[in-house]
Amino acid sequence: MQQPQHSGGGVVPELPPNAPRVPPGRFSRWVGRTVLGIGGWRVVGEFPDIAKLVLIGAPHSSNWDGVWGFAAKLALGLDIRILGKDTLFRVPVLGWLLRRMGVIPVNRREARGVVDQATGLLRGSDRMWFGLAPEGTRKPVEHWKTGFWKIAHGAGVPVLPVYFHYPDRRIVVSPVFQLGEDMASDIARIRTWYRSVGRGKYHDA
């Protein structure tokens, strides 16, 4: 994988036709663009014209990653789904807010594991981008969690790497990664590539 060319223009690029979108909302997009602009952040690169994929974001080294990532989601009008504990949705206001943010309730007590539930959601959707942080924590880790690979492989979809580059305040969208049959090899190649491009707030991928 090569580092993508950084396109000019505003704080976010345009979405291709097949990218999932939230219902049009000028105010939410304005809020997202404003937050990115105040922070000096931009989203650069070109999103793939693909209806279903697994999006991974790294390095995840700070709670600020979530702030800039969510602002980018609002600014783009992009519908990215993530999983959250179903118990959080029992609080009416919180449950409503989480759904508005694209969080899907998942039952961790169910016989099927979280990976199987996420894979099933992707398979059963006509259009869905599923997002997660492969590190699974803000702390430096020696090994990434394998869930993202299992979900993408099980659903037969590619992986879209997105990286945070704090020195330049860029969230960079990279070319999609087509998976093979060797999980360890795929994850090693993706992580090696991340180490060459992403610079987190407190540590690299």
C-alpha atoms as a PDB file:
ATOM      1  CA  MET A   1       0.000   0.000   0.000  1.00  0.00           C
ATOM      2  CA  GLN A   2       1.221   3.471  -0.860  1.00  0.00           C
ATOM      3  CA  GLN A   3       0.554   6.680   0.991  1.00  0.00           C
ATOM      4  CA  PRO A   4      -2.327   8.472  -0.755  1.00  0.00           C
ATOM      5  CA  GLN A   5      -1.986  11.838  -2.404  1.00  0.00           C
ATOM      6  CA  HIS A   6      -3.416  14.616  -0.253  1.00  0.00           C
ATOM      7  CA  SER A   7      -6.165  16.361  -2.180  1.00  0.00           C
ATOM      8  CA  GLY A   8      -6.840  20.085  -1.894  1.00  0.00           C
ATOM      9  CA  GLY A   9     -10.149  21.706  -1.080  1.00  0.00           C
ATOM     10  CA  GLY A  10     -12.010  22.010   2.219  1.00  0.00           C
ATOM     11  CA  VAL A  11     -11.680  20.185   5.503  1.00  0.00           C
ATOM     12  CA  VAL A  12     -13.287  16.988   4.129  1.00  0.00           C
ATOM     13  CA  PRO A  13     -13.422  15.320   0.695  1.00  0.00           C
ATOM     14  CA  GLU A  14     -16.611  14.374  -1.128  1.00  0.00           C
ATOM     15  CA  LEU A  15     -18.157  10.939  -0.614  1.00  0.00           C
ATOM     16  CA  PRO A  16     -18.548   8.574  -3.603  1.00  0.00           C
ATOM     17  CA  PRO A  17     -22.033   7.341  -4.606  1.00  0.00           C
ATOM     18  CA  ASN A  18     -21.921   3.982  -2.812  1.00  0.00           C
ATOM     19  CA  ALA A  19     -20.644   5.256   0.540  1.00  0.00           C
ATOM     20  CA  PRO A  20     -23.382   5.016   3.194  1.00  0.00           C
ATOM     21  CA  ARG A  21     -24.766   8.368   4.249  1.00  0.00           C
ATOM     22  CA  VAL A  22     -26.847   9.653   7.113  1.00  0.00           C
ATOM     23  CA  PRO A  23     -29.991  11.665   6.236  1.00  0.00           C
ATOM     24  CA  PRO A  24     -29.014  15.152   5.006  1.00  0.00           C
ATOM     25  CA  GLY A  25     -28.410  17.570   7.852  1.00  0.00           C
ATOM     26  CA  ARG A  26     -26.783  20.912   7.148  1.00  0.00           C
ATOM     27  CA  PHE A  27     -26.454  21.784  10.829  1.00  0.00           C
ATOM     28  CA  SER A  28     -24.662  18.567  11.825  1.00  0.00           C
ATOM     29  CA  ARG A  29     -22.289  18.857   8.876  1.00  0.00           C
ATOM     30  CA  TRP A  30     -21.621  22.481   9.825  1.00  0.00           C
ATOM     31  CA  VAL A  31     -20.867  21.433  13.412  1.00  0.00           C
ATOM     32  CA  GLY A  32     -18.437  18.758  12.219  1.00  0.00           C
ATOM     33  CA  ARG A  33     -16.656  21.088   9.815  1.00  0.00           C
ATOM     34  CA  THR A  34     -16.485  23.813  12.458  1.00  0.00           C
ATOM     35  CA  VAL A  35     -14.937  21.522  15.068  1.00  0.00           C
ATOM     36  CA  LEU A  36     -12.365  20.258  12.571  1.00  0.00           C
ATOM     37  CA  GLY A  37     -11.619  23.807  11.452  1.00  0.00           C
ATOM     38  CA  ILE A  38     -11.147  25.108  14.989  1.00  0.00           C
ATOM     39  CA  GLY A  39      -8.789  22.229  15.733  1.00  0.00           C
ATOM     40  CA  GLY A  40      -6.910  22.734  12.482  1.00  0.00           C
ATOM     41  CA  TRP A  41      -7.780  19.220  11.281  1.00  0.00           C
ATOM     42  CA  ARG A  42      -8.609  17.994   7.778  1.00  0.00           C
ATOM     43  CA  VAL A  43      -9.704  14.702   6.263  1.00  0.00           C
ATOM     44  CA  VAL A  44      -7.623  13.923   3.194  1.00  0.00           C
ATOM     45  CA  GLY A  45      -7.498  11.092   0.674  1.00  0.00           C
ATOM     46  CA  GLU A  46     -10.170   9.478  -1.457  1.00  0.00           C
ATOM     47  CA  PHE A  47     -12.944   7.266  -0.109  1.00  0.00           C
ATOM     48  CA  PRO A  48     -13.586   4.063  -2.078  1.00  0.00           C
ATOM     49  CA  ASP A  49     -16.834   3.681  -4.000  1.00  0.00           C
ATOM     50  CA  ILE A  50     -17.741   0.507  -2.092  1.00  0.00           C
ATOM     51  CA  ALA A  51     -21.037  -0.284  -0.375  1.00  0.00           C
ATOM     52  CA  LYS A  52     -19.665  -2.536   2.390  1.00  0.00           C
ATOM     53  CA  LEU A  53     -16.325  -2.587   4.191  1.00  0.00           C
ATOM     54  CA  VAL A  54     -14.602  -2.588   7.580  1.00  0.00           C
ATOM     55  CA  LEU A  55     -12.966   0.743   8.450  1.00  0.00           C
ATOM     56  CA  ILE A  56     -10.126   0.709  10.963  1.00  0.00           C
ATOM     57  CA  GLY A  57      -8.586   3.757  12.612  1.00  0.00           C
ATOM     58  CA  ALA A  58      -5.112   3.919  14.168  1.00  0.00           C
ATOM     59  CA  PRO A  59      -3.028   4.816  16.025  1.00  0.00           C
ATOM     60  CA  HIS A  60      -5.485   5.173  18.886  1.00  0.00           C
ATOM     61  CA  SER A  61      -3.489   6.944  21.585  1.00  0.00           C
ATOM     62  CA  SER A  62      -5.851   9.555  23.030  1.00  0.00           C
ATOM     63  CA  ASN A  63      -9.492  10.325  23.758  1.00  0.00           C
ATOM     64  CA  TRP A  64      -9.034  13.205  21.304  1.00  0.00           C
ATOM     65  CA  ASP A  65      -9.024  10.618  18.499  1.00  0.00           C
ATOM     66  CA  GLY A  66     -12.721  10.108  19.148  1.00  0.00           C
ATOM     67  CA  VAL A  67     -13.422  13.843  19.106  1.00  0.00           C
ATOM     68  CA  TRP A  68     -11.727  14.396  15.737  1.00  0.00           C
ATOM     69  CA  GLY A  69     -13.081  11.151  14.324  1.00  0.00           C
ATOM     70  CA  PHE A  70     -16.665  11.940  15.282  1.00  0.00           C
ATOM     71  CA  ALA A  71     -16.316  15.498  13.976  1.00  0.00           C
ATOM     72  CA  ALA A  72     -15.104  14.063  10.671  1.00  0.00           C
ATOM     73  CA  LYS A  73     -18.075  11.690  10.553  1.00  0.00           C
ATOM     74  CA  LEU A  74     -20.483  14.612  11.056  1.00  0.00           C
ATOM     75  CA  ALA A  75     -18.691  16.821   8.549  1.00  0.00           C
ATOM     76  CA  LEU A  76     -18.780  14.115   5.888  1.00  0.00           C
ATOM     77  CA  GLY A  77     -22.346  13.006   6.557  1.00  0.00           C
ATOM     78  CA  LEU A  78     -20.917   9.475   6.561  1.00  0.00           C
ATOM     79  CA  ASP A  79     -22.820   6.621   8.178  1.00  0.00           C
ATOM     80  CA  ILE A  80     -20.225   4.514  10.022  1.00  0.00           C
ATOM     81  CA  ARG A  81     -21.555   1.865  12.376  1.00  0.00           C
ATOM     82  CA  ILE A  82     -19.820   0.708  15.539  1.00  0.00           C
ATOM     83  CA  LEU A  83     -20.872  -1.699  18.288  1.00  0.00           C
ATOM     84  CA  GLY A  84     -21.797  -0.764  21.844  1.00  0.00           C
ATOM     85  CA  LYS A  85     -23.004  -2.678  24.896  1.00  0.00           C
ATOM     86  CA  ASP A  86     -26.758  -3.200  24.715  1.00  0.00           C
ATOM     87  CA  THR A  87     -27.096  -2.237  28.386  1.00  0.00           C
ATOM     88  CA  LEU A  88     -26.141   1.359  27.504  1.00  0.00           C
ATOM     89  CA  PHE A  89     -29.267   1.633  25.361  1.00  0.00           C
ATOM     90  CA  ARG A  90     -31.582   1.070  28.329  1.00  0.00           C
ATOM     91  CA  VAL A  91     -31.162   4.715  29.312  1.00  0.00           C
ATOM     92  CA  PRO A  92     -33.637   6.472  26.965  1.00  0.00           C
ATOM     93  CA  VAL A  93     -31.711   9.671  26.220  1.00  0.00           C
ATOM     94  CA  LEU A  94     -28.356   7.905  26.016  1.00  0.00           C
ATOM     95  CA  GLY A  95     -29.805   5.174  23.824  1.00  0.00           C
ATOM     96  CA  TRP A  96     -31.244   7.751  21.432  1.00  0.00           C
ATOM     97  CA  LEU A  97     -27.935   9.614  21.277  1.00  0.00           C
ATOM     98  CA  LEU A  98     -25.925   6.438  20.657  1.00  0.00           C
ATOM     99  CA  ARG A  99     -28.206   5.423  17.796  1.00  0.00           C
ATOM    100  CA  ARG A 100     -27.871   8.895  16.312  1.00  0.00           C
ATOM    101  CA  MET A 101     -24.099   8.414  16.453  1.00  0.00           C
ATOM    102  CA  GLY A 102     -24.350   5.131  14.533  1.00  0.00           C
ATOM    103  CA  VAL A 103     -23.778   2.816  17.494  1.00  0.00           C
ATOM    104  CA  ILE A 104     -25.433  -0.599  17.217  1.00  0.00           C
ATOM    105  CA  PRO A 105     -26.385  -2.449  20.427  1.00  0.00           C
ATOM    106  CA  VAL A 106     -24.642  -5.795  20.827  1.00  0.00           C
ATOM    107  CA  ASN A 107     -25.441  -8.471  23.387  1.00  0.00           C
ATOM    108  CA  ARG A 108     -22.155  -9.703  24.864  1.00  0.00           C
ATOM    109  CA  ARG A 109     -24.071 -12.405  26.754  1.00  0.00           C
ATOM    110  CA  GLU A 110     -25.398 -13.975  23.559  1.00  0.00           C
ATOM    111  CA  ALA A 111     -24.096 -17.389  22.529  1.00  0.00           C
ATOM    112  CA  ARG A 112     -22.838 -15.919  19.275  1.00  0.00           C
ATOM    113  CA  GLY A 113     -19.763 -13.820  19.879  1.00  0.00           C
ATOM    114  CA  VAL A 114     -19.412 -10.135  19.047  1.00  0.00           C
ATOM    115  CA  VAL A 115     -17.438 -10.990  15.900  1.00  0.00           C
ATOM    116  CA  ASP A 116     -20.221 -13.268  14.665  1.00  0.00           C
ATOM    117  CA  GLN A 117     -22.874 -10.633  15.390  1.00  0.00           C
ATOM    118  CA  ALA A 118     -20.919  -7.944  13.516  1.00  0.00           C
ATOM    119  CA  THR A 119     -20.250 -10.300  10.606  1.00  0.00           C
ATOM    120  CA  GLY A 120     -23.945 -11.120  10.410  1.00  0.00           C
ATOM    121  CA  LEU A 121     -24.865  -7.434  10.352  1.00  0.00           C
ATOM    122  CA  LEU A 122     -22.493  -6.783   7.462  1.00  0.00           C
ATOM    123  CA  ARG A 123     -23.682  -9.795   5.502  1.00  0.00           C
ATOM    124  CA  GLY A 124     -27.324  -8.854   5.965  1.00  0.00           C
ATOM    125  CA  SER A 125     -26.909  -5.208   4.945  1.00  0.00           C
ATOM    126  CA  ASP A 126     -27.033  -3.809   1.434  1.00  0.00           C
ATOM    127  CA  ARG A 127     -24.802  -0.913   2.441  1.00  0.00           C
ATOM    128  CA  MET A 128     -22.750  -0.700   5.623  1.00  0.00           C
ATOM    129  CA  TRP A 129     -19.379   0.593   6.753  1.00  0.00           C
ATOM    130  CA  PHE A 130     -18.372  -0.921  10.083  1.00  0.00           C
ATOM    131  CA  GLY A 131     -15.712   0.900  12.106  1.00  0.00           C
ATOM    132  CA  LEU A 132     -13.421  -0.018  14.977  1.00  0.00           C
ATOM    133  CA  ALA A 133      -9.969   0.581  16.455  1.00  0.00           C
ATOM    134  CA  PRO A 134      -7.812  -2.535  15.937  1.00  0.00           C
ATOM    135  CA  GLU A 135      -5.648  -1.754  18.964  1.00  0.00           C
ATOM    136  CA  GLY A 136      -8.671  -1.965  21.270  1.00  0.00           C
ATOM    137  CA  THR A 137      -7.104   0.460  23.759  1.00  0.00           C
ATOM    138  CA  ARG A 138      -5.361   3.830  23.942  1.00  0.00           C
ATOM    139  CA  LYS A 139      -2.221   2.226  25.400  1.00  0.00           C
ATOM    140  CA  PRO A 140       0.633   0.975  23.205  1.00  0.00           C
ATOM    141  CA  VAL A 141       0.108  -2.718  22.396  1.00  0.00           C
ATOM    142  CA  GLU A 142       2.432  -5.374  21.063  1.00  0.00           C
ATOM    143  CA  HIS A 143      -0.338  -7.178  19.201  1.00  0.00           C
ATOM    144  CA  TRP A 144      -3.503  -5.853  17.576  1.00  0.00           C
ATOM    145  CA  LYS A 145      -6.828  -7.517  18.273  1.00  0.00           C
ATOM    146  CA  THR A 146      -7.904  -9.818  15.447  1.00  0.00           C
ATOM    147  CA  GLY A 147     -11.628  -8.992  15.460  1.00  0.00           C
ATOM    148  CA  PHE A 148     -11.501  -6.541  12.548  1.00  0.00           C
ATOM    149  CA  TRP A 149      -9.861  -9.152  10.293  1.00  0.00           C
ATOM    150  CA  LYS A 150     -12.316 -11.871  11.287  1.00  0.00           C
ATOM    151  CA  ILE A 151     -15.300  -9.597  10.675  1.00  0.00           C
ATOM    152  CA  ALA A 152     -14.066  -8.417   7.263  1.00  0.00           C
ATOM    153  CA  HIS A 153     -12.963 -11.889   6.175  1.00  0.00           C
ATOM    154  CA  GLY A 154     -16.176 -13.504   7.379  1.00  0.00           C
ATOM    155  CA  ALA A 155     -18.310 -10.930   5.554  1.00  0.00           C
ATOM    156  CA  GLY A 156     -16.149 -11.022   2.425  1.00  0.00           C
ATOM    157  CA  VAL A 157     -15.417  -7.274   2.459  1.00  0.00           C
ATOM    158  CA  PRO A 158     -12.181  -5.256   2.250  1.00  0.00           C
ATOM    159  CA  VAL A 159     -10.532  -3.258   5.022  1.00  0.00           C
ATOM    160  CA  LEU A 160     -10.239   0.525   4.737  1.00  0.00           C
ATOM    161  CA  PRO A 161      -7.354   1.886   6.836  1.00  0.00           C
ATOM    162  CA  VAL A 162      -7.641   5.434   8.130  1.00  0.00           C
ATOM    163  CA  TYR A 163      -4.840   6.956  10.141  1.00  0.00           C
ATOM    164  CA  PHE A 164      -4.379   9.901  12.487  1.00  0.00           C
ATOM    165  CA  HIS A 165      -1.328  12.045  11.823  1.00  0.00           C
ATOM    166  CA  TYR A 166      -1.088  14.505  14.694  1.00  0.00           C
ATOM    167  CA  PRO A 167       1.999  16.465  13.532  1.00  0.00           C
ATOM    168  CA  ASP A 168       0.060  17.718  10.474  1.00  0.00           C
ATOM    169  CA  ARG A 169      -3.415  17.338  12.017  1.00  0.00           C
ATOM    170  CA  ARG A 170      -4.638  15.092   9.246  1.00  0.00           C
ATOM    171  CA  ILE A 171      -7.055  12.173   9.216  1.00  0.00           C
ATOM    172  CA  VAL A 172      -5.916  10.294   6.137  1.00  0.00           C
ATOM    173  CA  VAL A 173      -8.062   7.890   4.112  1.00  0.00           C
ATOM    174  CA  SER A 174      -5.943   5.219   2.468  1.00  0.00           C
ATOM    175  CA  PRO A 175      -6.466   2.663  -0.322  1.00  0.00           C
ATOM    176  CA  VAL A 176      -8.508  -0.402   0.661  1.00  0.00           C
ATOM    177  CA  PHE A 177      -6.719  -3.558   1.725  1.00  0.00           C
ATOM    178  CA  GLN A 178      -7.962  -6.805   0.184  1.00  0.00           C
ATOM    179  CA  LEU A 179      -7.605  -9.679   2.635  1.00  0.00           C
ATOM    180  CA  GLY A 180      -6.105 -13.076   1.909  1.00  0.00           C
ATOM    181  CA  GLU A 181      -6.421 -16.301   3.877  1.00  0.00           C
ATOM    182  CA  ASP A 182      -3.466 -15.743   6.224  1.00  0.00           C
ATOM    183  CA  MET A 183      -4.714 -13.615   9.117  1.00  0.00           C
ATOM    184  CA  ALA A 184      -1.334 -13.143  10.794  1.00  0.00           C
ATOM    185  CA  SER A 185       0.309 -12.083   7.536  1.00  0.00           C
ATOM    186  CA  ASP A 186      -2.464  -9.626   6.652  1.00  0.00           C
ATOM    187  CA  ILE A 187      -2.454  -7.975  10.086  1.00  0.00           C
ATOM    188  CA  ALA A 188       1.358  -7.773  10.106  1.00  0.00           C
ATOM    189  CA  ARG A 189       1.379  -6.063   6.705  1.00  0.00           C
ATOM    190  CA  ILE A 190      -1.332  -3.586   7.683  1.00  0.00           C
ATOM    191  CA  ARG A 191       0.349  -2.738  10.967  1.00  0.00           C
ATOM    192  CA  THR A 192       3.759  -2.368   9.339  1.00  0.00           C
ATOM    193  CA  TRP A 193       2.233   0.039   6.853  1.00  0.00           C
ATOM    194  CA  TYR A 194       0.559   2.018   9.674  1.00  0.00           C
ATOM    195  CA  ARG A 195       3.884   2.395  11.443  1.00  0.00           C
ATOM    196  CA  SER A 196       5.314   4.074   8.344  1.00  0.00           C
ATOM    197  CA  VAL A 197       2.614   6.747   8.076  1.00  0.00           C
ATOM    198  CA  GLY A 198       0.554   7.389  11.216  1.00  0.00           C
ATOM    199  CA  ARG A 199       1.738   9.518  14.132  1.00  0.00           C
ATOM    200  CA  GLY A 200      -0.540   9.436  17.157  1.00  0.00           C
ATOM    201  CA  LYS A 201      -0.829  12.046  19.880  1.00  0.00           C
ATOM    202  CA  TYR A 202       1.121   9.954  22.393  1.00  0.00           C
ATOM    203  CA  HIS A 203       2.402   6.927  20.474  1.00  0.00           C
ATOM    204  CA  ASP A 204       2.403   5.386  17.011  1.00  0.00           C
ATOM    205  CA  ALA A 205       0.563   2.279  15.819  1.00  0.00           C
END
